[in-house]
Protein backbone atom coordinates (compact mmCIF):
# COMPACT_ATOMS: atom_id res chain seq x y z
CA UNK A 1 141.30 71.88 -15.99
CA UNK A 2 138.19 69.74 -16.06
CA UNK A 3 135.73 70.53 -13.59
CA UNK A 4 132.69 68.28 -12.19
CA UNK A 5 129.71 69.89 -10.30
CA UNK A 6 127.24 67.46 -8.60
CA UNK A 7 124.08 69.49 -7.81
CA UNK A 8 120.82 67.81 -7.53
CA UNK A 9 118.76 70.98 -8.16
CA UNK A 10 120.96 72.64 -11.03
CA UNK A 11 118.54 73.97 -13.47
CA UNK A 12 119.29 74.64 -17.19
CA UNK A 13 119.56 78.33 -18.47
CA UNK A 14 115.55 78.34 -19.23
CA UNK A 15 114.93 77.43 -15.40
CA UNK A 16 114.82 78.96 -11.98
CA UNK A 17 118.14 77.87 -10.13
CA UNK A 18 120.86 78.57 -12.54
CA UNK A 19 123.88 79.42 -10.33
CA UNK A 20 125.73 76.23 -11.43
CA UNK A 21 124.92 76.72 -15.05
CA UNK A 22 125.87 80.27 -15.12
CA UNK A 23 129.22 79.91 -13.36
CA UNK A 24 129.72 76.73 -15.46
CA UNK A 25 129.35 78.56 -18.77
CA UNK A 26 131.81 81.26 -17.44
CA UNK A 27 134.27 78.60 -16.54
CA UNK A 28 134.00 76.83 -19.88
CA UNK A 29 134.51 80.44 -21.71
CA UNK A 30 137.99 80.37 -19.76
CA UNK A 31 138.83 77.07 -21.21
CA UNK A 32 137.74 74.70 -18.42
CA UNK A 33 135.23 71.83 -19.52
CA UNK A 34 132.59 71.69 -17.13
CA UNK A 35 129.98 69.15 -16.22
CA UNK A 36 127.00 69.18 -14.01
CA UNK A 37 125.28 66.16 -12.67
CA UNK A 38 121.77 66.92 -12.06
CA UNK A 39 118.38 65.34 -11.52
CA UNK A 40 115.92 64.77 -14.29
CA UNK A 41 113.04 65.22 -11.98
CA UNK A 42 112.56 69.02 -11.29
CA UNK A 43 112.09 69.92 -7.62
CA UNK A 44 110.86 73.35 -8.60
CA UNK A 45 107.86 72.27 -10.99
CA UNK A 46 107.55 68.69 -9.53
CA UNK A 47 107.64 67.18 -12.99
CA UNK A 48 110.37 65.97 -15.21
CA UNK A 49 112.85 68.54 -16.60
CA UNK A 50 113.79 65.67 -19.11
CA UNK A 51 112.14 62.47 -20.09
CA UNK A 52 114.83 59.74 -20.01
CA UNK A 53 112.76 56.85 -20.85
CA UNK A 54 114.57 53.59 -19.60
CA UNK A 55 118.07 55.29 -19.63
CA UNK A 56 119.53 55.83 -15.89
CA UNK A 57 121.24 59.06 -17.15
CA UNK A 58 121.59 61.09 -20.40
CA UNK A 59 124.12 63.61 -21.66
CA UNK A 60 123.22 67.04 -23.08
CA UNK A 61 125.25 69.90 -24.18
CA UNK A 62 123.89 73.16 -22.95
CA UNK A 63 125.70 76.09 -24.54
CA UNK A 64 129.26 74.56 -23.98
CA UNK A 65 128.31 72.91 -20.60
CA UNK A 66 127.76 69.21 -20.28
CA UNK A 67 124.70 68.32 -18.27
CA UNK A 68 124.29 64.69 -17.26
CA UNK A 69 120.68 64.10 -16.26
CA UNK A 70 120.26 61.55 -13.90
CA UNK A 71 116.97 59.52 -13.31
CA UNK A 72 115.38 59.44 -9.81
CA UNK A 73 111.59 58.85 -8.65
CA UNK A 74 109.08 61.72 -8.65
CA UNK A 75 107.51 63.08 -5.49
CA UNK A 76 104.87 65.84 -4.67
CA UNK A 77 105.74 66.81 -0.94
CA UNK A 78 108.39 66.48 1.72
CA UNK A 79 107.78 62.76 2.52
CA UNK A 80 109.69 59.58 2.11
CA UNK A 81 109.32 59.73 -1.80
CA UNK A 82 111.49 62.82 -1.72
CA UNK A 83 114.17 61.15 0.46
CA UNK A 84 114.13 58.20 -2.02
CA UNK A 85 114.60 60.78 -4.80
CA UNK A 86 117.85 62.12 -3.10
CA UNK A 87 119.02 58.74 -2.34
CA UNK A 88 118.50 57.39 -5.94
CA UNK A 89 119.88 60.38 -7.30
CA UNK A 90 123.11 60.44 -5.41
CA UNK A 91 123.83 56.52 -6.11
CA UNK A 92 123.10 57.00 -9.69
CA UNK A 93 125.43 60.20 -10.09
CA UNK A 94 128.21 58.53 -8.37
CA UNK A 95 128.04 55.40 -10.82
CA UNK A 96 127.57 57.82 -13.73
CA UNK A 97 130.71 59.55 -12.83
CA UNK A 98 132.54 56.61 -11.67
CA UNK A 99 132.35 54.79 -14.98
CA UNK A 100 133.48 57.64 -17.17
CA UNK A 101 136.95 57.52 -18.57
CA UNK A 102 137.75 61.11 -18.12
CA UNK A 103 139.25 62.46 -14.91
CA UNK A 104 138.40 65.70 -13.59
CA UNK A 105 140.87 67.90 -11.82
CA UNK A 106 138.07 69.38 -9.42
CA UNK A 107 135.02 68.03 -8.08
CA UNK A 108 132.24 70.34 -6.40
CA UNK A 109 129.80 68.62 -4.35
CA UNK A 110 126.63 71.09 -3.93
CA UNK A 111 124.38 70.50 -0.67
CA UNK A 112 121.12 71.54 -0.98
CA UNK A 113 120.93 68.24 0.71
CA UNK A 114 124.51 66.65 1.83
CA UNK A 115 124.04 63.17 0.07
CA UNK A 116 124.79 64.80 -3.25
CA UNK A 117 127.87 66.50 -2.01
CA UNK A 118 128.82 63.23 -0.42
CA UNK A 119 128.59 61.55 -4.18
CA UNK A 120 130.79 64.33 -5.19
CA UNK A 121 133.36 63.50 -2.57
CA UNK A 122 133.66 60.04 -3.41
CA UNK A 123 134.04 60.69 -7.18
CA UNK A 124 136.82 63.19 -6.38
CA UNK A 125 138.46 60.24 -4.25
CA UNK A 126 138.16 57.58 -7.05
CA UNK A 127 139.18 60.07 -9.71
CA UNK A 128 142.23 61.52 -7.74
CA UNK A 129 140.80 65.03 -7.95
CA UNK A 130 140.52 68.09 -5.54
CA UNK A 131 137.11 68.26 -3.61
CA UNK A 132 135.36 71.41 -2.87
CA UNK A 133 132.09 71.51 -0.79
CA UNK A 134 129.50 74.09 -1.74
CA UNK A 135 126.98 74.87 0.82
CA UNK A 136 123.78 76.17 -0.18
CA UNK A 137 121.74 75.23 2.93
CA UNK A 138 122.88 74.45 6.43
CA UNK A 139 121.58 71.13 7.23
CA UNK A 140 120.48 70.08 9.58
CA UNK A 141 120.35 73.49 11.10
CA UNK A 142 117.57 74.68 8.52
CA UNK A 143 115.48 71.62 9.08
CA UNK A 144 115.85 72.13 12.78
CA UNK A 145 114.88 75.70 12.76
CA UNK A 146 111.87 75.07 10.51
CA UNK A 147 110.61 72.37 13.15
CA UNK A 148 111.11 69.62 10.75
CA UNK A 149 113.71 67.79 12.95
CA UNK A 150 114.44 67.35 16.51
CA UNK A 151 118.03 68.87 17.33
CA UNK A 152 118.80 65.63 19.47
CA UNK A 153 117.20 63.00 17.21
CA UNK A 154 118.93 60.30 15.64
CA UNK A 155 118.52 61.96 11.77
CA UNK A 156 119.80 65.37 12.99
CA UNK A 157 122.94 63.74 14.82
CA UNK A 158 123.62 61.78 11.53
CA UNK A 159 123.19 64.77 9.13
CA UNK A 160 125.56 66.88 11.57
CA UNK A 161 128.20 64.12 11.34
CA UNK A 162 127.95 64.14 7.59
CA UNK A 163 128.03 67.84 7.14
CA UNK A 164 131.12 67.85 9.61
CA UNK A 165 132.66 65.11 7.46
CA UNK A 166 132.50 67.07 4.39
CA UNK A 167 133.62 70.25 6.05
CA UNK A 168 136.67 68.35 7.04
CA UNK A 169 137.35 66.55 3.64
CA UNK A 170 136.79 69.71 1.47
CA UNK A 171 139.82 71.64 0.47
CA UNK A 172 137.78 74.66 0.68
CA UNK A 173 133.99 75.15 1.71
CA UNK A 174 132.36 77.22 -0.84
CA UNK A 175 129.71 79.03 1.14
CA UNK A 176 126.74 81.03 -0.16
CA UNK A 177 125.86 82.13 3.51
CA UNK A 178 127.75 85.44 4.51
CA UNK A 179 128.68 84.85 8.26
CA UNK A 180 129.02 81.17 8.98
CA UNK A 181 132.61 81.46 10.66
CA UNK A 182 131.38 80.35 14.09
CA UNK A 183 129.09 77.69 12.57
CA UNK A 184 132.05 76.09 10.67
CA UNK A 185 134.39 76.43 13.78
CA UNK A 186 131.87 74.84 15.81
CA UNK A 187 132.13 71.73 13.66
CA UNK A 188 136.00 71.76 14.54
CA UNK A 189 136.79 73.39 11.22
CA UNK A 190 139.14 76.39 10.72
CA UNK A 191 136.96 79.29 9.14
CA UNK A 192 139.88 80.22 6.73
CA UNK A 193 138.63 77.34 4.70
CA UNK A 194 135.41 79.29 3.81
CA UNK A 195 135.14 81.01 0.42
CA UNK A 196 131.98 83.10 0.19
CA UNK A 197 130.60 82.90 -3.26
CA UNK A 198 127.13 84.09 -2.87
CA UNK A 199 124.09 83.91 -5.32
CA UNK A 200 124.66 86.11 -8.50
CA UNK A 201 123.21 87.06 -11.79
CA UNK A 202 124.00 87.48 -15.51
CA UNK A 203 122.94 90.79 -16.38
CA UNK A 204 122.38 90.01 -20.00
CA UNK A 205 119.24 88.14 -18.76
CA UNK A 206 117.78 91.63 -18.08
CA UNK A 207 118.35 93.29 -21.34
CA UNK A 208 114.49 93.30 -22.02
CA UNK A 209 113.61 95.09 -18.77
CA UNK A 210 111.95 98.22 -18.92
CA UNK A 211 113.70 101.36 -17.74
CA UNK A 212 112.63 102.24 -14.40
CA UNK A 213 111.01 105.66 -14.20
CA UNK A 214 110.40 105.79 -10.34
CA UNK A 215 106.67 104.76 -10.73
CA UNK A 216 105.12 108.01 -11.27
CA UNK A 217 101.85 106.66 -12.08
CA UNK A 218 99.26 104.37 -10.05
CA UNK A 219 98.46 101.75 -8.91
CA UNK A 220 101.87 100.95 -7.64
CA UNK A 221 102.88 97.34 -8.12
CA UNK A 222 104.79 95.52 -5.29
CA UNK A 223 106.07 92.20 -6.64
CA UNK A 224 107.42 89.02 -5.30
CA UNK A 225 108.91 86.78 -7.65
CA UNK A 226 110.29 83.47 -6.25
CA UNK A 227 109.37 80.09 -4.78
CA UNK A 228 106.28 79.74 -2.77
CA UNK A 229 107.78 78.03 -0.02
CA UNK A 230 107.05 78.32 3.76
CA UNK A 231 110.73 79.97 4.11
CA UNK A 232 109.68 82.89 2.17
CA UNK A 233 106.87 83.71 4.67
CA UNK A 234 104.22 84.74 1.90
CA UNK A 235 101.59 84.79 4.61
CA UNK A 236 103.18 88.03 5.78
CA UNK A 237 102.79 89.56 2.29
CA UNK A 238 98.91 88.70 2.55
CA UNK A 239 98.73 90.12 5.96
CA UNK A 240 100.20 93.39 4.86
CA UNK A 241 98.00 93.48 1.76
CA UNK A 242 95.02 93.05 4.23
CA UNK A 243 96.17 96.00 6.46
CA UNK A 244 96.43 98.23 3.26
CA UNK A 245 93.31 97.30 1.89
CA UNK A 246 91.49 97.98 5.14
CA UNK A 247 93.18 101.49 4.99
CA UNK A 248 91.58 102.06 1.71
CA UNK A 249 94.97 102.02 -0.26
CA UNK A 250 93.40 100.76 -3.73
CA UNK A 251 96.47 102.71 -5.19
CA UNK A 252 98.74 99.71 -4.20
CA UNK A 253 98.88 96.22 -5.93
CA UNK A 254 100.75 92.90 -5.10
CA UNK A 255 101.82 90.77 -7.94
CA UNK A 256 102.86 87.31 -6.56
CA UNK A 257 104.66 85.14 -9.25
CA UNK A 258 106.01 81.64 -8.87
CA UNK A 259 105.45 78.29 -7.90
CA UNK A 260 105.91 75.88 -4.99
CA UNK A 261 104.12 73.75 -2.46
CA UNK A 262 102.48 76.80 -0.68
CA UNK A 263 101.06 78.09 -3.67
CA UNK A 264 97.46 76.66 -3.67
CA UNK A 265 97.08 77.08 0.07
CA UNK A 266 98.04 81.08 -0.43
CA UNK A 267 95.53 81.30 -3.16
CA UNK A 268 92.86 79.88 -1.09
CA UNK A 269 93.69 82.20 1.89
CA UNK A 270 94.02 85.17 -0.31
CA UNK A 271 90.31 84.24 -1.36
CA UNK A 272 89.23 83.70 2.24
CA UNK A 273 90.42 87.10 3.16
CA UNK A 274 88.70 88.60 0.31
CA UNK A 275 91.79 90.53 -1.22
CA UNK A 276 91.33 92.39 -4.24
CA UNK A 277 94.78 93.85 -4.25
CA UNK A 278 96.80 90.68 -4.98
CA UNK A 279 97.14 88.95 -8.28
CA UNK A 280 98.91 85.54 -8.45
CA UNK A 281 100.86 84.45 -11.65
CA UNK A 282 102.57 81.35 -12.71
CA UNK A 283 106.15 81.09 -12.63
CA UNK A 284 108.65 82.39 -15.33
CA UNK A 285 111.67 80.75 -16.78
CA UNK A 286 114.94 82.71 -16.22
CA UNK A 287 114.96 83.89 -19.69
CA UNK A 288 111.74 85.59 -19.26
CA UNK A 289 112.58 87.11 -15.95
CA UNK A 290 113.62 90.48 -17.17
CA UNK A 291 110.38 91.11 -19.08
CA UNK A 292 108.16 90.24 -16.24
CA UNK A 293 110.24 92.13 -13.61
CA UNK A 294 109.67 95.35 -15.63
CA UNK A 295 106.10 95.43 -14.42
CA UNK A 296 107.31 96.03 -11.06
CA UNK A 297 107.59 99.28 -9.29
CA UNK A 298 109.11 97.79 -6.24
CA UNK A 299 109.83 94.31 -5.02
CA UNK A 300 109.06 92.64 -1.74
CA UNK A 301 110.80 89.53 0.18
CA UNK A 302 110.88 88.24 3.57
CA UNK A 303 111.64 85.57 5.93
CA UNK A 304 110.42 83.88 9.04
CA UNK A 305 112.04 84.97 12.31
CA UNK A 306 114.45 82.03 12.80
CA UNK A 307 117.81 81.77 14.77
CA UNK A 308 119.13 80.21 11.48
CA UNK A 309 119.39 83.66 9.80
CA UNK A 310 122.00 84.89 12.16
CA UNK A 311 124.48 83.44 9.67
CA UNK A 312 123.00 85.44 6.85
CA UNK A 313 120.77 84.83 4.16
CA UNK A 314 121.31 83.26 0.76
CA UNK A 315 118.45 84.01 -1.54
CA UNK A 316 118.63 83.50 -5.30
CA UNK A 317 115.61 86.08 -6.02
CA UNK A 318 117.31 88.70 -4.08
CA UNK A 319 119.93 89.06 -6.55
CA UNK A 320 117.08 89.20 -9.45
CA UNK A 321 115.48 92.28 -7.51
CA UNK A 322 118.88 94.03 -7.11
CA UNK A 323 119.48 93.61 -10.87
CA UNK A 324 116.14 95.17 -11.84
CA UNK A 325 117.29 98.53 -10.21
CA UNK A 326 114.05 98.88 -8.14
CA UNK A 327 113.34 99.64 -4.48
CA UNK A 328 113.00 96.57 -2.30
CA UNK A 329 110.98 96.10 0.82
CA UNK A 330 112.79 93.43 3.11
CA UNK A 331 111.05 91.86 6.13
CA UNK A 332 113.12 89.82 8.37
CA UNK A 333 115.90 89.46 10.76
CA UNK A 334 119.45 88.66 9.15
CA UNK A 335 122.83 89.52 9.97
CA UNK A 336 123.48 89.94 6.27
CA UNK A 337 120.89 92.45 4.66
CA UNK A 338 121.68 93.73 1.27
CA UNK A 339 118.72 96.20 1.14
CA UNK A 340 120.10 97.80 4.09
CA UNK A 341 123.70 97.49 3.35
CA UNK A 342 122.87 98.92 -0.12
CA UNK A 343 120.29 101.66 1.09
CA UNK A 344 118.16 100.14 -1.72
CA UNK A 345 114.96 100.22 0.23
CA UNK A 346 113.23 99.47 3.44
CA UNK A 347 113.96 96.78 5.75
CA UNK A 348 111.72 95.95 8.69
CA UNK A 349 111.15 93.38 11.54
CA UNK A 350 109.53 90.15 10.71
CA UNK A 351 105.89 89.31 12.05
CA UNK A 352 104.44 92.77 11.85
CA UNK A 353 102.12 93.36 9.32
CA UNK A 354 101.16 96.89 10.38
CA UNK A 355 105.08 97.62 10.15
CA UNK A 356 105.22 96.22 6.70
CA UNK A 357 102.49 98.06 5.42
CA UNK A 358 103.70 101.20 6.96
CA UNK A 359 107.08 100.61 5.24
CA UNK A 360 105.43 100.23 1.75
CA UNK A 361 103.18 103.30 2.18
CA UNK A 362 106.59 105.25 2.99
CA UNK A 363 108.04 103.82 -0.32
CA UNK A 364 105.03 105.11 -2.21
CA UNK A 365 105.17 108.41 -0.74
CA UNK A 366 108.70 109.20 -1.88
CA UNK A 367 109.32 110.87 -5.10
CA UNK A 368 109.94 109.01 -8.23
CA UNK A 369 113.52 110.38 -8.34
CA UNK A 370 114.13 109.26 -4.76
CA UNK A 371 112.88 105.69 -5.79
CA UNK A 372 115.21 105.57 -8.76
CA UNK A 373 118.15 106.47 -6.63
CA UNK A 374 117.37 103.56 -4.24
CA UNK A 375 117.27 101.05 -7.30
CA UNK A 376 120.54 102.37 -8.55
CA UNK A 377 122.22 101.74 -5.32
CA UNK A 378 120.88 98.30 -5.12
CA UNK A 379 122.36 97.70 -8.75
CA UNK A 380 125.86 98.95 -7.95
CA UNK A 381 125.78 96.79 -4.97
CA UNK A 382 124.98 93.82 -7.09
CA UNK A 383 127.68 94.27 -9.49
CA UNK A 384 130.24 94.53 -6.73
CA UNK A 385 129.05 91.45 -4.66
CA UNK A 386 126.84 89.39 -6.88
CA UNK A 387 127.92 89.64 -10.31
CA UNK A 388 128.28 86.10 -12.09
CA UNK A 389 131.48 86.86 -13.91
CA UNK A 390 133.16 88.19 -10.76
CA UNK A 391 132.01 85.23 -8.96
CA UNK A 392 133.21 82.95 -11.43
CA UNK A 393 136.53 84.50 -11.39
CA UNK A 394 136.83 84.34 -7.44
CA UNK A 395 136.05 80.34 -7.79
CA UNK A 396 138.59 80.07 -10.58
CA UNK A 397 141.41 81.93 -8.77
CA UNK A 398 141.12 79.05 -5.99
CA UNK A 399 140.80 76.13 -8.41
CA UNK A 400 143.82 77.26 -9.93
CA UNK A 401 145.76 77.66 -6.79
CA UNK A 402 148.44 74.99 -6.08
CA UNK A 403 146.86 72.53 -3.50
CA UNK A 404 148.40 73.36 -0.02
CA UNK A 405 150.20 70.39 1.64
CA UNK A 406 148.06 68.46 4.30
C-alpha cells in the first residue's frame, strides 16, 4: 500500500516536529512505501531546512521515507508573507504530486493549516486514493480563541466552511485532540469518523538520557523544552520564577530551551525583572533531546486559559517529558490532562504564579523516591497511550480496512 502524507511542517528526524516521519518510518518497516510532502522553509527555525535553488521541489530519501521538499517564500512573523508561504506550498505540493506517475492508495492531508489538507484531498481525488484528514490544530477555532480572528468575520467563516468540507470528505478524521466529539458533530459530521492518534515518541531517541535518581542534590532544575510561542504561556513561568526568587528559593533553577517568535521578548522580560534563576538556551534537534533532558530534575509546561482546551490538548513536548521519566508540573485548564491522569506530577490552574510556585515547592519537598515514582508512572502512561509503534499500528489497521460503502 503506497501512502502519501501532505504535511507543511513535517520535520526530518533531526528536527523538532517529527511525528509524520516517525509514523512514516514505521509504515515503511511494515512494507508500505511512504512519501511526505513538506515545505523546504522551516517554520520552527524561520530559515530553509533545505536549499532547493531554482527547483520548485526536490526528493530526498530519509531512512526509507521519501521526502518531497516543496519551495515556498520565507517569512518572519504571522503576516501576509506567512499566508503566501501557505498558499505557494499548497499549490506546488498538489502539482508535485499530480505529475507523478505513481498512484497512492492512501493520502493523508495534515492541517496545521487546512490548505495543505485540501491539497491532499485533491491529490486523493485525481489519484483515485482514499483520503484521511489529520487534524493537529482546530482552525479557525484556535485563531479565534487566540484573538487573531473575529468569530463572525469573513475569514473565519471561510475557514470553518473549509474545515467542514474536509471533515465530510474524509474517510476518517485522524484527531490529535482528545475530546472533539461535540466539535465534529457541530459541523454536521458523525463523531464515529474520529480516530484518536495523539502525539507520540520513539523511545530509542532517549537512550542517552541519564537515569533519573529523584534529584537528591541542589539546585533543583525545572526545565521547559519546546516552542517559545504565545500558546505555551512562558510568561507564567517567568512570573513563578520571580515569586520563588522573592521567597529566597535560590535552590530552584529554571532552564528554558527552544526557539520561536516569543523568545527574544521573553529574554528581555527576564532581564528587566532581574531574574537570576532563569537560564535561556537554544533549541536542540530531536536526536539530542534525550541527552539534554537528562539535565532536568522536573519539567514544566502550561497553557493560556482558553475555551479551546475544552477539547483537550495536543502537545508534542509533553510526550517528550513523559518519556524522560521525570515529574511534571502543568498549569492550565484542559479536559485532557495526562499529568493528572497518570499521577505524574502536579496540575494547577492557569494564571496563578503563586499557585504555580507552590506546586514547584511542593515537588521539591518530596523525597527522591516519591519523585522517581511520579516519573515512572508518567512513562508507563506514555507506553500505553503515546508510543509511536502503537500509534502507527492503530493508523495502519484503519488504512488496511476495506473502505465502507458510501
